[in-house]
Amino acid sequence: FGHNAIVSGFQGQRQWTDFMPNGDFSEAILNSSFDWNGIRAPFMVATENDSLNGVSMLFNYLLTNTAQIFADVRTYWSPDAVENATGWKPEDRGENGFIHLINSGSATLDGAGRQTQEGKPVMKPYWEITEGEVDASLDATTWHPADLGYFRGGGFSSKFVTKGGMPLTMCRINLVRGLGPVLQIAEGWSIDIPEEVHNKLDERTNITWPTTWFVPRVTGEGAFTDVYAVMNNWGSNHGAISYGHIGADLITLASMLRIPVCMHNVDAEKVFRPTAWNSFGMQKEGSDYRACENYGPLY
């Protein structure tokens, strides 16, 4: 228990939810930029005792002032698998497959993408959100009885589908024994898929949870060879998803804290680290590890 925490979390499964209602409603509302009292700053609330994803949400929030989506990096859907399951072949940004981001509770309702700027879906700092956008976000969200297979104590889970076309950045801190924290970053976009296709794919996981269909920007190399490689190299089944392409800012923040970045798809010309990093070798990611080890943590 605590007060005025900069980031928080909830254990939930299973010590609580086997005999008490789940925390999905509380998590969803606390993470949102509004509640029954009106528009306000969002809280950072992780779930499933994942403190590392909570800190990842905090990093994103401090850089953007926007609410955050906590999600499972649940499923990679290849074009062939989608066509086999639904009869529809992915196209446009999704033509090479996409990732299903979904979790039962701790996704901000802002993540529905019903806030707009110049006619495009966005997630705004709370002071820019209008009452109409709050209503639209709530209208896009439905509340479902908790899946008793996961939550024997019952409760309610939020459900929405994120609008496509939003630039997103997914990140996560992983803790490695003998090394310490490392940061992963994947910039990409939300996409729209036909409703009937969404319904069929959603049934493969859980139809009572919020969904974001995510396509990372691939480079043809390493961890970003293709969409599957991104998921295959992700260090956990959780990610913190922020509006906007903020990977360069995260890299700079990580260097300030001496946290090496093990995976990112940010263009080289956008990366800014202290010039002292140049003394640790010509290969930028390797020099990042050596510099962080040499100068020591500031966290």
C-alpha atoms as a PDB file:
ATOM      1  CA  PHE A   1       0.000   0.000   0.000  1.00  0.00           C
ATOM      2  CA  GLY A   2       1.189   3.529  -0.698  1.00  0.00           C
ATOM      3  CA  HIS A   3       0.187   7.026  -1.702  1.00  0.00           C
ATOM      4  CA  ASN A   4       1.115   9.315  -4.609  1.00  0.00           C
ATOM      5  CA  ALA A   5       3.322   6.695  -6.264  1.00  0.00           C
ATOM      6  CA  ILE A   6       4.941   7.589  -9.588  1.00  0.00           C
ATOM      7  CA  VAL A   7       4.101   4.080 -10.822  1.00  0.00           C
ATOM      8  CA  SER A   8       2.111   1.231  -9.309  1.00  0.00           C
ATOM      9  CA  GLY A   9       0.882  -2.261 -10.002  1.00  0.00           C
ATOM     10  CA  PHE A  10      -1.507  -5.045  -9.083  1.00  0.00           C
ATOM     11  CA  GLN A  11      -0.758  -8.718  -8.503  1.00  0.00           C
ATOM     12  CA  GLY A  12      -4.125 -10.161  -9.534  1.00  0.00           C
ATOM     13  CA  GLN A  13      -3.543 -13.671 -10.810  1.00  0.00           C
ATOM     14  CA  ARG A  14      -3.819 -15.891  -8.922  1.00  0.00           C
ATOM     15  CA  GLN A  15      -3.500 -15.024  -5.257  1.00  0.00           C
ATOM     16  CA  TRP A  16      -6.306 -12.467  -5.563  1.00  0.00           C
ATOM     17  CA  THR A  17      -8.434 -13.487  -8.521  1.00  0.00           C
ATOM     18  CA  ASP A  18      -9.041 -17.096  -7.518  1.00  0.00           C
ATOM     19  CA  PHE A  19     -11.410 -15.911  -4.811  1.00  0.00           C
ATOM     20  CA  MET A  20     -11.915 -12.148  -5.357  1.00  0.00           C
ATOM     21  CA  PRO A  21     -13.141 -10.126  -8.372  1.00  0.00           C
ATOM     22  CA  ASN A  22     -10.328  -9.210 -10.753  1.00  0.00           C
ATOM     23  CA  GLY A  23      -8.744  -5.769 -10.955  1.00  0.00           C
ATOM     24  CA  ASP A  24      -9.447  -5.178 -14.646  1.00  0.00           C
ATOM     25  CA  PHE A  25     -11.938  -2.342 -14.165  1.00  0.00           C
ATOM     26  CA  SER A  26      -9.708  -0.504 -11.690  1.00  0.00           C
ATOM     27  CA  GLU A  27      -6.626  -0.994 -13.869  1.00  0.00           C
ATOM     28  CA  ALA A  28      -8.364   0.238 -17.018  1.00  0.00           C
ATOM     29  CA  ILE A  29      -9.841   3.348 -15.390  1.00  0.00           C
ATOM     30  CA  LEU A  30      -6.712   4.285 -13.425  1.00  0.00           C
ATOM     31  CA  ASN A  31      -4.593   4.036 -16.589  1.00  0.00           C
ATOM     32  CA  SER A  32      -7.026   6.265 -18.486  1.00  0.00           C
ATOM     33  CA  SER A  33      -7.009  10.066 -18.690  1.00  0.00           C
ATOM     34  CA  PHE A  34     -10.491  10.334 -17.197  1.00  0.00           C
ATOM     35  CA  ASP A  35     -12.842   8.785 -14.673  1.00  0.00           C
ATOM     36  CA  TRP A  36     -16.246   9.569 -13.125  1.00  0.00           C
ATOM     37  CA  ASN A  37     -14.829  12.857 -11.793  1.00  0.00           C
ATOM     38  CA  GLY A  38     -13.794  14.040 -15.248  1.00  0.00           C
ATOM     39  CA  ILE A  39     -10.567  14.463 -17.202  1.00  0.00           C
ATOM     40  CA  ARG A  40      -7.329  14.074 -15.231  1.00  0.00           C
ATOM     41  CA  ALA A  41      -3.749  12.862 -15.583  1.00  0.00           C
ATOM     42  CA  PRO A  42      -3.514   9.084 -16.043  1.00  0.00           C
ATOM     43  CA  PHE A  43      -1.924   6.848 -13.442  1.00  0.00           C
ATOM     44  CA  MET A  44       0.693   4.280 -14.407  1.00  0.00           C
ATOM     45  CA  VAL A  45      -0.653   0.917 -13.248  1.00  0.00           C
ATOM     46  CA  ALA A  46       0.964  -2.338 -14.332  1.00  0.00           C
ATOM     47  CA  THR A  47      -0.631  -5.727 -13.800  1.00  0.00           C
ATOM     48  CA  GLU A  48       0.392  -9.348 -13.173  1.00  0.00           C
ATOM     49  CA  ASN A  49       3.119  -8.172 -10.794  1.00  0.00           C
ATOM     50  CA  ASP A  50       5.213  -7.011 -13.777  1.00  0.00           C
ATOM     51  CA  SER A  51       7.234  -4.190 -12.258  1.00  0.00           C
ATOM     52  CA  LEU A  52       9.544  -4.085 -15.287  1.00  0.00           C
ATOM     53  CA  ASN A  53       6.665  -3.306 -17.625  1.00  0.00           C
ATOM     54  CA  GLY A  54       5.446  -0.761 -15.092  1.00  0.00           C
ATOM     55  CA  VAL A  55       8.775   1.069 -15.308  1.00  0.00           C
ATOM     56  CA  SER A  56       8.585   0.825 -19.113  1.00  0.00           C
ATOM     57  CA  MET A  57       5.148   2.473 -18.992  1.00  0.00           C
ATOM     58  CA  LEU A  58       6.616   5.168 -16.750  1.00  0.00           C
ATOM     59  CA  PHE A  59       9.445   5.917 -19.199  1.00  0.00           C
ATOM     60  CA  ASN A  60       6.930   6.299 -22.031  1.00  0.00           C
ATOM     61  CA  TYR A  61       4.671   8.493 -19.935  1.00  0.00           C
ATOM     62  CA  LEU A  62       7.432  10.829 -18.757  1.00  0.00           C
ATOM     63  CA  LEU A  63       8.470  11.374 -22.378  1.00  0.00           C
ATOM     64  CA  THR A  64       4.970  11.921 -23.805  1.00  0.00           C
ATOM     65  CA  ASN A  65       2.544  12.879 -21.000  1.00  0.00           C
ATOM     66  CA  THR A  66       0.071  10.431 -22.549  1.00  0.00           C
ATOM     67  CA  ALA A  67      -1.683   7.376 -21.124  1.00  0.00           C
ATOM     68  CA  GLN A  68      -0.139   3.960 -21.766  1.00  0.00           C
ATOM     69  CA  ILE A  69      -1.298   0.571 -23.007  1.00  0.00           C
ATOM     70  CA  PHE A  70      -0.127  -2.465 -21.037  1.00  0.00           C
ATOM     71  CA  ALA A  71      -0.534  -5.502 -23.283  1.00  0.00           C
ATOM     72  CA  ASP A  72       0.527  -9.065 -23.833  1.00  0.00           C
ATOM     73  CA  VAL A  73       2.644  -9.491 -26.947  1.00  0.00           C
ATOM     74  CA  ARG A  74       0.369 -12.420 -27.507  1.00  0.00           C
ATOM     75  CA  THR A  75       0.319 -13.765 -31.069  1.00  0.00           C
ATOM     76  CA  TYR A  76       2.099 -13.335 -34.390  1.00  0.00           C
ATOM     77  CA  TRP A  77      -0.318 -13.775 -37.278  1.00  0.00           C
ATOM     78  CA  SER A  78       1.399 -14.528 -40.579  1.00  0.00           C
ATOM     79  CA  PRO A  79      -0.405 -13.668 -43.833  1.00  0.00           C
ATOM     80  CA  ASP A  80      -0.894 -17.370 -44.557  1.00  0.00           C
ATOM     81  CA  ALA A  81      -2.245 -18.089 -41.073  1.00  0.00           C
ATOM     82  CA  VAL A  82      -4.708 -15.201 -41.312  1.00  0.00           C
ATOM     83  CA  GLU A  83      -5.920 -16.371 -44.718  1.00  0.00           C
ATOM     84  CA  ASN A  84      -6.261 -19.969 -43.519  1.00  0.00           C
ATOM     85  CA  ALA A  85      -8.228 -18.917 -40.440  1.00  0.00           C
ATOM     86  CA  THR A  86     -10.451 -16.264 -42.004  1.00  0.00           C
ATOM     87  CA  GLY A  87     -10.267 -16.393 -45.804  1.00  0.00           C
ATOM     88  CA  TRP A  88      -8.949 -12.802 -45.864  1.00  0.00           C
ATOM     89  CA  LYS A  89      -5.444 -11.959 -47.030  1.00  0.00           C
ATOM     90  CA  PRO A  90      -3.754  -9.097 -45.137  1.00  0.00           C
ATOM     91  CA  GLU A  91      -2.915  -6.007 -47.149  1.00  0.00           C
ATOM     92  CA  ASP A  92      -1.246  -2.598 -46.907  1.00  0.00           C
ATOM     93  CA  ARG A  93       0.834  -2.286 -43.706  1.00  0.00           C
ATOM     94  CA  GLY A  94      -0.360  -5.684 -42.537  1.00  0.00           C
ATOM     95  CA  GLU A  95       0.614  -7.549 -45.701  1.00  0.00           C
ATOM     96  CA  ASN A  96       3.604  -9.212 -44.001  1.00  0.00           C
ATOM     97  CA  GLY A  97       1.699 -10.163 -40.872  1.00  0.00           C
ATOM     98  CA  PHE A  98       0.949  -8.452 -37.574  1.00  0.00           C
ATOM     99  CA  ILE A  99       1.076  -8.922 -33.814  1.00  0.00           C
ATOM    100  CA  HIS A 100      -1.944  -9.249 -31.549  1.00  0.00           C
ATOM    101  CA  LEU A 101      -1.459  -7.021 -28.489  1.00  0.00           C
ATOM    102  CA  ILE A 102      -4.074  -7.990 -25.907  1.00  0.00           C
ATOM    103  CA  ASN A 103      -4.402  -8.145 -22.120  1.00  0.00           C
ATOM    104  CA  SER A 104      -7.371  -8.459 -19.824  1.00  0.00           C
ATOM    105  CA  GLY A 105      -7.244  -5.197 -17.940  1.00  0.00           C
ATOM    106  CA  SER A 106      -4.399  -2.755 -17.765  1.00  0.00           C
ATOM    107  CA  ALA A 107      -4.856  -1.010 -21.122  1.00  0.00           C
ATOM    108  CA  THR A 108      -5.856   2.643 -21.001  1.00  0.00           C
ATOM    109  CA  LEU A 109      -9.228   3.407 -22.577  1.00  0.00           C
ATOM    110  CA  ASP A 110      -7.389   6.188 -24.425  1.00  0.00           C
ATOM    111  CA  GLY A 111      -5.948   3.300 -26.438  1.00  0.00           C
ATOM    112  CA  ALA A 112      -9.218   2.912 -28.314  1.00  0.00           C
ATOM    113  CA  GLY A 113      -7.931   5.737 -30.518  1.00  0.00           C
ATOM    114  CA  ARG A 114     -11.096   7.844 -30.321  1.00  0.00           C
ATOM    115  CA  GLN A 115      -9.212  11.068 -29.664  1.00  0.00           C
ATOM    116  CA  THR A 116      -8.466  12.917 -32.889  1.00  0.00           C
ATOM    117  CA  GLN A 117      -6.135  15.516 -34.329  1.00  0.00           C
ATOM    118  CA  GLU A 118      -6.554  16.773 -37.883  1.00  0.00           C
ATOM    119  CA  GLY A 119      -9.011  13.942 -38.432  1.00  0.00           C
ATOM    120  CA  LYS A 120      -6.552  11.217 -37.408  1.00  0.00           C
ATOM    121  CA  PRO A 121      -6.703   8.973 -34.317  1.00  0.00           C
ATOM    122  CA  VAL A 122      -4.276   9.984 -31.567  1.00  0.00           C
ATOM    123  CA  MET A 123      -3.667   9.698 -27.827  1.00  0.00           C
ATOM    124  CA  LYS A 124      -3.341  13.150 -26.275  1.00  0.00           C
ATOM    125  CA  PRO A 125      -1.970  14.608 -23.046  1.00  0.00           C
ATOM    126  CA  TYR A 126      -4.912  14.867 -20.686  1.00  0.00           C
ATOM    127  CA  TRP A 127      -5.110  18.674 -20.874  1.00  0.00           C
ATOM    128  CA  GLU A 128      -5.836  18.482 -24.619  1.00  0.00           C
ATOM    129  CA  ILE A 129      -8.626  15.884 -24.361  1.00  0.00           C
ATOM    130  CA  THR A 130     -12.198  17.082 -24.869  1.00  0.00           C
ATOM    131  CA  GLU A 131     -15.356  15.840 -23.186  1.00  0.00           C
ATOM    132  CA  GLY A 132     -16.522  14.595 -26.572  1.00  0.00           C
ATOM    133  CA  GLU A 133     -13.395  12.458 -26.908  1.00  0.00           C
ATOM    134  CA  VAL A 134     -13.978  11.005 -23.450  1.00  0.00           C
ATOM    135  CA  ASP A 135     -17.518  10.065 -24.477  1.00  0.00           C
ATOM    136  CA  ALA A 136     -16.248   8.537 -27.720  1.00  0.00           C
ATOM    137  CA  SER A 137     -13.658   6.461 -25.838  1.00  0.00           C
ATOM    138  CA  LEU A 138     -16.292   5.195 -23.420  1.00  0.00           C
ATOM    139  CA  ASP A 139     -18.722   4.462 -26.264  1.00  0.00           C
ATOM    140  CA  ALA A 140     -15.995   2.394 -27.964  1.00  0.00           C
ATOM    141  CA  THR A 141     -15.471   0.330 -24.796  1.00  0.00           C
ATOM    142  CA  THR A 142     -17.676  -2.502 -23.615  1.00  0.00           C
ATOM    143  CA  TRP A 143     -17.485  -4.282 -20.268  1.00  0.00           C
ATOM    144  CA  HIS A 144     -17.745  -8.058 -20.099  1.00  0.00           C
ATOM    145  CA  PRO A 145     -18.078 -10.564 -17.264  1.00  0.00           C
ATOM    146  CA  ALA A 146     -14.623 -11.887 -16.455  1.00  0.00           C
ATOM    147  CA  ASP A 147     -13.530 -15.129 -18.091  1.00  0.00           C
ATOM    148  CA  LEU A 148     -13.843 -17.628 -15.239  1.00  0.00           C
ATOM    149  CA  GLY A 149     -11.091 -19.755 -16.742  1.00  0.00           C
ATOM    150  CA  TYR A 150      -8.682 -16.991 -15.770  1.00  0.00           C
ATOM    151  CA  PHE A 151     -10.594 -15.242 -12.993  1.00  0.00           C
ATOM    152  CA  ARG A 152     -12.517 -17.633 -10.789  1.00  0.00           C
ATOM    153  CA  GLY A 153     -13.500 -14.759  -8.518  1.00  0.00           C
ATOM    154  CA  GLY A 154     -15.354 -12.992 -11.331  1.00  0.00           C
ATOM    155  CA  GLY A 155     -15.246  -9.283 -12.095  1.00  0.00           C
ATOM    156  CA  PHE A 156     -15.441  -7.318 -15.336  1.00  0.00           C
ATOM    157  CA  SER A 157     -12.987  -6.840 -18.210  1.00  0.00           C
ATOM    158  CA  SER A 158     -12.799  -3.957 -20.673  1.00  0.00           C
ATOM    159  CA  LYS A 159     -12.895  -4.490 -24.422  1.00  0.00           C
ATOM    160  CA  PHE A 160     -12.126  -2.168 -27.327  1.00  0.00           C
ATOM    161  CA  VAL A 161     -10.302  -2.351 -30.649  1.00  0.00           C
ATOM    162  CA  THR A 162      -7.627   0.280 -31.273  1.00  0.00           C
ATOM    163  CA  LYS A 163      -8.194   2.351 -34.394  1.00  0.00           C
ATOM    164  CA  GLY A 164      -5.618   1.788 -37.103  1.00  0.00           C
ATOM    165  CA  GLY A 165      -3.164   4.350 -38.378  1.00  0.00           C
ATOM    166  CA  MET A 166      -1.688   5.474 -35.064  1.00  0.00           C
ATOM    167  CA  PRO A 167       2.119   5.594 -34.811  1.00  0.00           C
ATOM    168  CA  LEU A 168       3.061   3.547 -31.753  1.00  0.00           C
ATOM    169  CA  THR A 169       6.209   2.646 -29.856  1.00  0.00           C
ATOM    170  CA  MET A 170       6.392  -0.563 -27.850  1.00  0.00           C
ATOM    171  CA  CYS A 171       9.152  -0.924 -25.291  1.00  0.00           C
ATOM    172  CA  ARG A 172      10.138  -3.169 -22.434  1.00  0.00           C
ATOM    173  CA  ILE A 173      12.872  -3.384 -19.823  1.00  0.00           C
ATOM    174  CA  ASN A 174      14.189  -6.891 -19.193  1.00  0.00           C
ATOM    175  CA  LEU A 175      16.358  -7.787 -16.215  1.00  0.00           C
ATOM    176  CA  VAL A 176      19.253 -10.110 -17.055  1.00  0.00           C
ATOM    177  CA  ARG A 177      21.221 -11.859 -14.327  1.00  0.00           C
ATOM    178  CA  GLY A 178      24.848 -10.772 -14.427  1.00  0.00           C
ATOM    179  CA  LEU A 179      24.056  -7.872 -16.751  1.00  0.00           C
ATOM    180  CA  GLY A 180      21.217  -5.859 -15.255  1.00  0.00           C
ATOM    181  CA  PRO A 181      18.406  -4.063 -17.090  1.00  0.00           C
ATOM    182  CA  VAL A 182      18.317  -3.843 -20.887  1.00  0.00           C
ATOM    183  CA  LEU A 183      15.761  -1.985 -23.000  1.00  0.00           C
ATOM    184  CA  GLN A 184      13.912  -3.193 -26.100  1.00  0.00           C
ATOM    185  CA  ILE A 185      12.160  -0.788 -28.484  1.00  0.00           C
ATOM    186  CA  ALA A 186       9.925  -1.411 -31.498  1.00  0.00           C
ATOM    187  CA  GLU A 187       8.331   1.454 -33.417  1.00  0.00           C
ATOM    188  CA  GLY A 188       5.363   0.688 -35.636  1.00  0.00           C
ATOM    189  CA  TRP A 189       1.680   1.362 -36.235  1.00  0.00           C
ATOM    190  CA  SER A 190      -1.761   0.161 -35.262  1.00  0.00           C
ATOM    191  CA  ILE A 191      -3.758  -1.226 -38.174  1.00  0.00           C
ATOM    192  CA  ASP A 192      -7.409  -1.839 -38.985  1.00  0.00           C
ATOM    193  CA  ILE A 193      -8.594  -5.239 -40.145  1.00  0.00           C
ATOM    194  CA  PRO A 194     -12.133  -6.156 -41.254  1.00  0.00           C
ATOM    195  CA  GLU A 195     -14.510  -6.660 -38.337  1.00  0.00           C
ATOM    196  CA  GLU A 196     -15.359 -10.235 -39.281  1.00  0.00           C
ATOM    197  CA  VAL A 197     -11.636 -11.062 -39.493  1.00  0.00           C
ATOM    198  CA  HIS A 198     -11.006  -9.465 -36.107  1.00  0.00           C
ATOM    199  CA  ASN A 199     -13.818 -11.498 -34.567  1.00  0.00           C
ATOM    200  CA  LYS A 200     -12.421 -14.798 -35.838  1.00  0.00           C
ATOM    201  CA  LEU A 201      -8.876 -14.026 -34.710  1.00  0.00           C
ATOM    202  CA  ASP A 202     -10.046 -12.602 -31.387  1.00  0.00           C
ATOM    203  CA  GLU A 203     -11.829 -15.867 -30.612  1.00  0.00           C
ATOM    204  CA  ARG A 204      -8.445 -17.628 -30.735  1.00  0.00           C
ATOM    205  CA  THR A 205      -7.438 -15.693 -27.602  1.00  0.00           C
ATOM    206  CA  ASN A 206     -10.221 -13.979 -25.648  1.00  0.00           C
ATOM    207  CA  ILE A 207     -13.152 -11.938 -26.901  1.00  0.00           C
ATOM    208  CA  THR A 208     -13.556  -9.995 -23.634  1.00  0.00           C
ATOM    209  CA  TRP A 209     -10.210  -8.136 -23.702  1.00  0.00           C
ATOM    210  CA  PRO A 210      -8.979  -4.985 -25.509  1.00  0.00           C
ATOM    211  CA  THR A 211      -7.069  -5.516 -28.761  1.00  0.00           C
ATOM    212  CA  THR A 212      -4.430  -3.564 -30.659  1.00  0.00           C
ATOM    213  CA  TRP A 213      -3.317  -4.971 -34.022  1.00  0.00           C
ATOM    214  CA  PHE A 214       0.319  -3.874 -34.280  1.00  0.00           C
ATOM    215  CA  VAL A 215       2.793  -3.856 -37.163  1.00  0.00           C
ATOM    216  CA  PRO A 216       6.395  -3.008 -36.243  1.00  0.00           C
ATOM    217  CA  ARG A 217       8.592  -1.250 -38.785  1.00  0.00           C
ATOM    218  CA  VAL A 218      10.918  -3.930 -40.141  1.00  0.00           C
ATOM    219  CA  THR A 219      14.401  -3.390 -41.551  1.00  0.00           C
ATOM    220  CA  GLY A 220      15.262  -6.768 -43.069  1.00  0.00           C
ATOM    221  CA  GLU A 221      18.049  -7.269 -40.524  1.00  0.00           C
ATOM    222  CA  GLY A 222      18.523  -8.871 -37.111  1.00  0.00           C
ATOM    223  CA  ALA A 223      15.624  -8.634 -34.675  1.00  0.00           C
ATOM    224  CA  PHE A 224      13.697  -6.627 -37.283  1.00  0.00           C
ATOM    225  CA  THR A 225      14.196  -8.985 -40.220  1.00  0.00           C
ATOM    226  CA  ASP A 226      10.423  -9.438 -40.343  1.00  0.00           C
ATOM    227  CA  VAL A 227       7.390  -9.140 -38.082  1.00  0.00           C
ATOM    228  CA  TYR A 228       7.869 -12.611 -36.614  1.00  0.00           C
ATOM    229  CA  ALA A 229      11.482 -11.824 -35.712  1.00  0.00           C
ATOM    230  CA  VAL A 230      10.322  -8.885 -33.583  1.00  0.00           C
ATOM    231  CA  MET A 231       8.055 -11.084 -31.486  1.00  0.00           C
ATOM    232  CA  ASN A 232      10.617 -13.899 -31.402  1.00  0.00           C
ATOM    233  CA  ASN A 233      13.250 -11.529 -29.982  1.00  0.00           C
ATOM    234  CA  TRP A 234      10.930  -9.900 -27.446  1.00  0.00           C
ATOM    235  CA  GLY A 235      12.113 -10.689 -23.931  1.00  0.00           C
ATOM    236  CA  SER A 236       8.732 -11.221 -22.285  1.00  0.00           C
ATOM    237  CA  ASN A 237       5.084 -11.635 -23.146  1.00  0.00           C
ATOM    238  CA  HIS A 238       4.417  -8.034 -22.016  1.00  0.00           C
ATOM    239  CA  GLY A 239       5.051  -4.662 -23.622  1.00  0.00           C
ATOM    240  CA  ALA A 240       4.358  -1.001 -22.819  1.00  0.00           C
ATOM    241  CA  ILE A 241       2.813   0.764 -25.807  1.00  0.00           C
ATOM    242  CA  SER A 242       2.865   4.538 -26.232  1.00  0.00           C
ATOM    243  CA  TYR A 243       1.411   6.847 -28.841  1.00  0.00           C
ATOM    244  CA  GLY A 244       3.991   8.269 -31.252  1.00  0.00           C
ATOM    245  CA  HIS A 245       7.403   7.209 -32.478  1.00  0.00           C
ATOM    246  CA  ILE A 246       9.477   7.953 -29.391  1.00  0.00           C
ATOM    247  CA  GLY A 247      12.234   5.373 -29.815  1.00  0.00           C
ATOM    248  CA  ALA A 248      14.965   7.992 -30.213  1.00  0.00           C
ATOM    249  CA  ASP A 249      13.903   9.672 -26.965  1.00  0.00           C
ATOM    250  CA  LEU A 250      13.898   6.320 -25.163  1.00  0.00           C
ATOM    251  CA  ILE A 251      17.420   5.576 -26.407  1.00  0.00           C
ATOM    252  CA  THR A 252      18.684   8.920 -25.110  1.00  0.00           C
ATOM    253  CA  LEU A 253      16.931   8.418 -21.771  1.00  0.00           C
ATOM    254  CA  ALA A 254      18.408   4.923 -21.473  1.00  0.00           C
ATOM    255  CA  SER A 255      21.926   6.244 -22.095  1.00  0.00           C
ATOM    256  CA  MET A 256      21.430   8.863 -19.372  1.00  0.00           C
ATOM    257  CA  LEU A 257      20.460   6.090 -16.951  1.00  0.00           C
ATOM    258  CA  ARG A 258      23.190   3.727 -18.278  1.00  0.00           C
ATOM    259  CA  ILE A 259      20.693   1.122 -19.460  1.00  0.00           C
ATOM    260  CA  PRO A 260      21.910  -0.517 -22.700  1.00  0.00           C
ATOM    261  CA  VAL A 261      19.467  -0.925 -25.583  1.00  0.00           C
ATOM    262  CA  CYS A 262      19.525  -4.479 -26.914  1.00  0.00           C
ATOM    263  CA  MET A 263      16.982  -4.058 -29.722  1.00  0.00           C
ATOM    264  CA  HIS A 264      15.557  -1.099 -31.637  1.00  0.00           C
ATOM    265  CA  ASN A 265      14.460  -0.036 -35.120  1.00  0.00           C
ATOM    266  CA  VAL A 266      15.188   3.691 -34.878  1.00  0.00           C
ATOM    267  CA  ASP A 267      16.969   5.263 -37.857  1.00  0.00           C
ATOM    268  CA  ALA A 268      20.652   5.847 -37.078  1.00  0.00           C
ATOM    269  CA  GLU A 269      20.486   9.579 -37.812  1.00  0.00           C
ATOM    270  CA  LYS A 270      17.834  10.005 -35.093  1.00  0.00           C
ATOM    271  CA  VAL A 271      19.847   8.309 -32.332  1.00  0.00           C
ATOM    272  CA  PHE A 272      21.495  10.647 -29.825  1.00  0.00           C
ATOM    273  CA  ARG A 273      23.839   9.383 -27.123  1.00  0.00           C
ATOM    274  CA  PRO A 274      26.633  11.208 -25.260  1.00  0.00           C
ATOM    275  CA  THR A 275      29.712  11.750 -27.439  1.00  0.00           C
ATOM    276  CA  ALA A 276      31.776   9.771 -24.921  1.00  0.00           C
ATOM    277  CA  TRP A 277      30.049   6.654 -26.290  1.00  0.00           C
ATOM    278  CA  ASN A 278      32.175   7.086 -29.463  1.00  0.00           C
ATOM    279  CA  SER A 279      35.263   6.051 -27.494  1.00  0.00           C
ATOM    280  CA  PHE A 280      33.882   2.571 -26.898  1.00  0.00           C
ATOM    281  CA  GLY A 281      33.950   1.302 -30.480  1.00  0.00           C
ATOM    282  CA  MET A 282      32.466   1.872 -33.917  1.00  0.00           C
ATOM    283  CA  GLN A 283      29.603  -0.607 -33.570  1.00  0.00           C
ATOM    284  CA  LYS A 284      26.979   1.553 -31.857  1.00  0.00           C
ATOM    285  CA  GLU A 285      25.041  -1.086 -29.935  1.00  0.00           C
ATOM    286  CA  GLY A 286      28.198  -2.772 -28.658  1.00  0.00           C
ATOM    287  CA  SER A 287      29.669   0.562 -27.597  1.00  0.00           C
ATOM    288  CA  ASP A 288      26.417   1.305 -25.758  1.00  0.00           C
ATOM    289  CA  TYR A 289      26.862  -1.823 -23.620  1.00  0.00           C
ATOM    290  CA  ARG A 290      30.503  -1.024 -22.881  1.00  0.00           C
ATOM    291  CA  ALA A 291      29.816   2.615 -22.021  1.00  0.00           C
ATOM    292  CA  CYS A 292      26.914   1.751 -19.718  1.00  0.00           C
ATOM    293  CA  GLU A 293      29.061  -0.812 -17.896  1.00  0.00           C
ATOM    294  CA  ASN A 294      31.985   1.597 -17.625  1.00  0.00           C
ATOM    295  CA  TYR A 295      30.080   4.603 -16.288  1.00  0.00           C
ATOM    296  CA  GLY A 296      27.753   2.615 -14.058  1.00  0.00           C
ATOM    297  CA  PRO A 297      24.029   2.879 -13.395  1.00  0.00           C
ATOM    298  CA  LEU A 298      22.168   6.075 -12.536  1.00  0.00           C
ATOM    299  CA  TYR A 299      18.903   4.393 -11.532  1.00  0.00           C
END
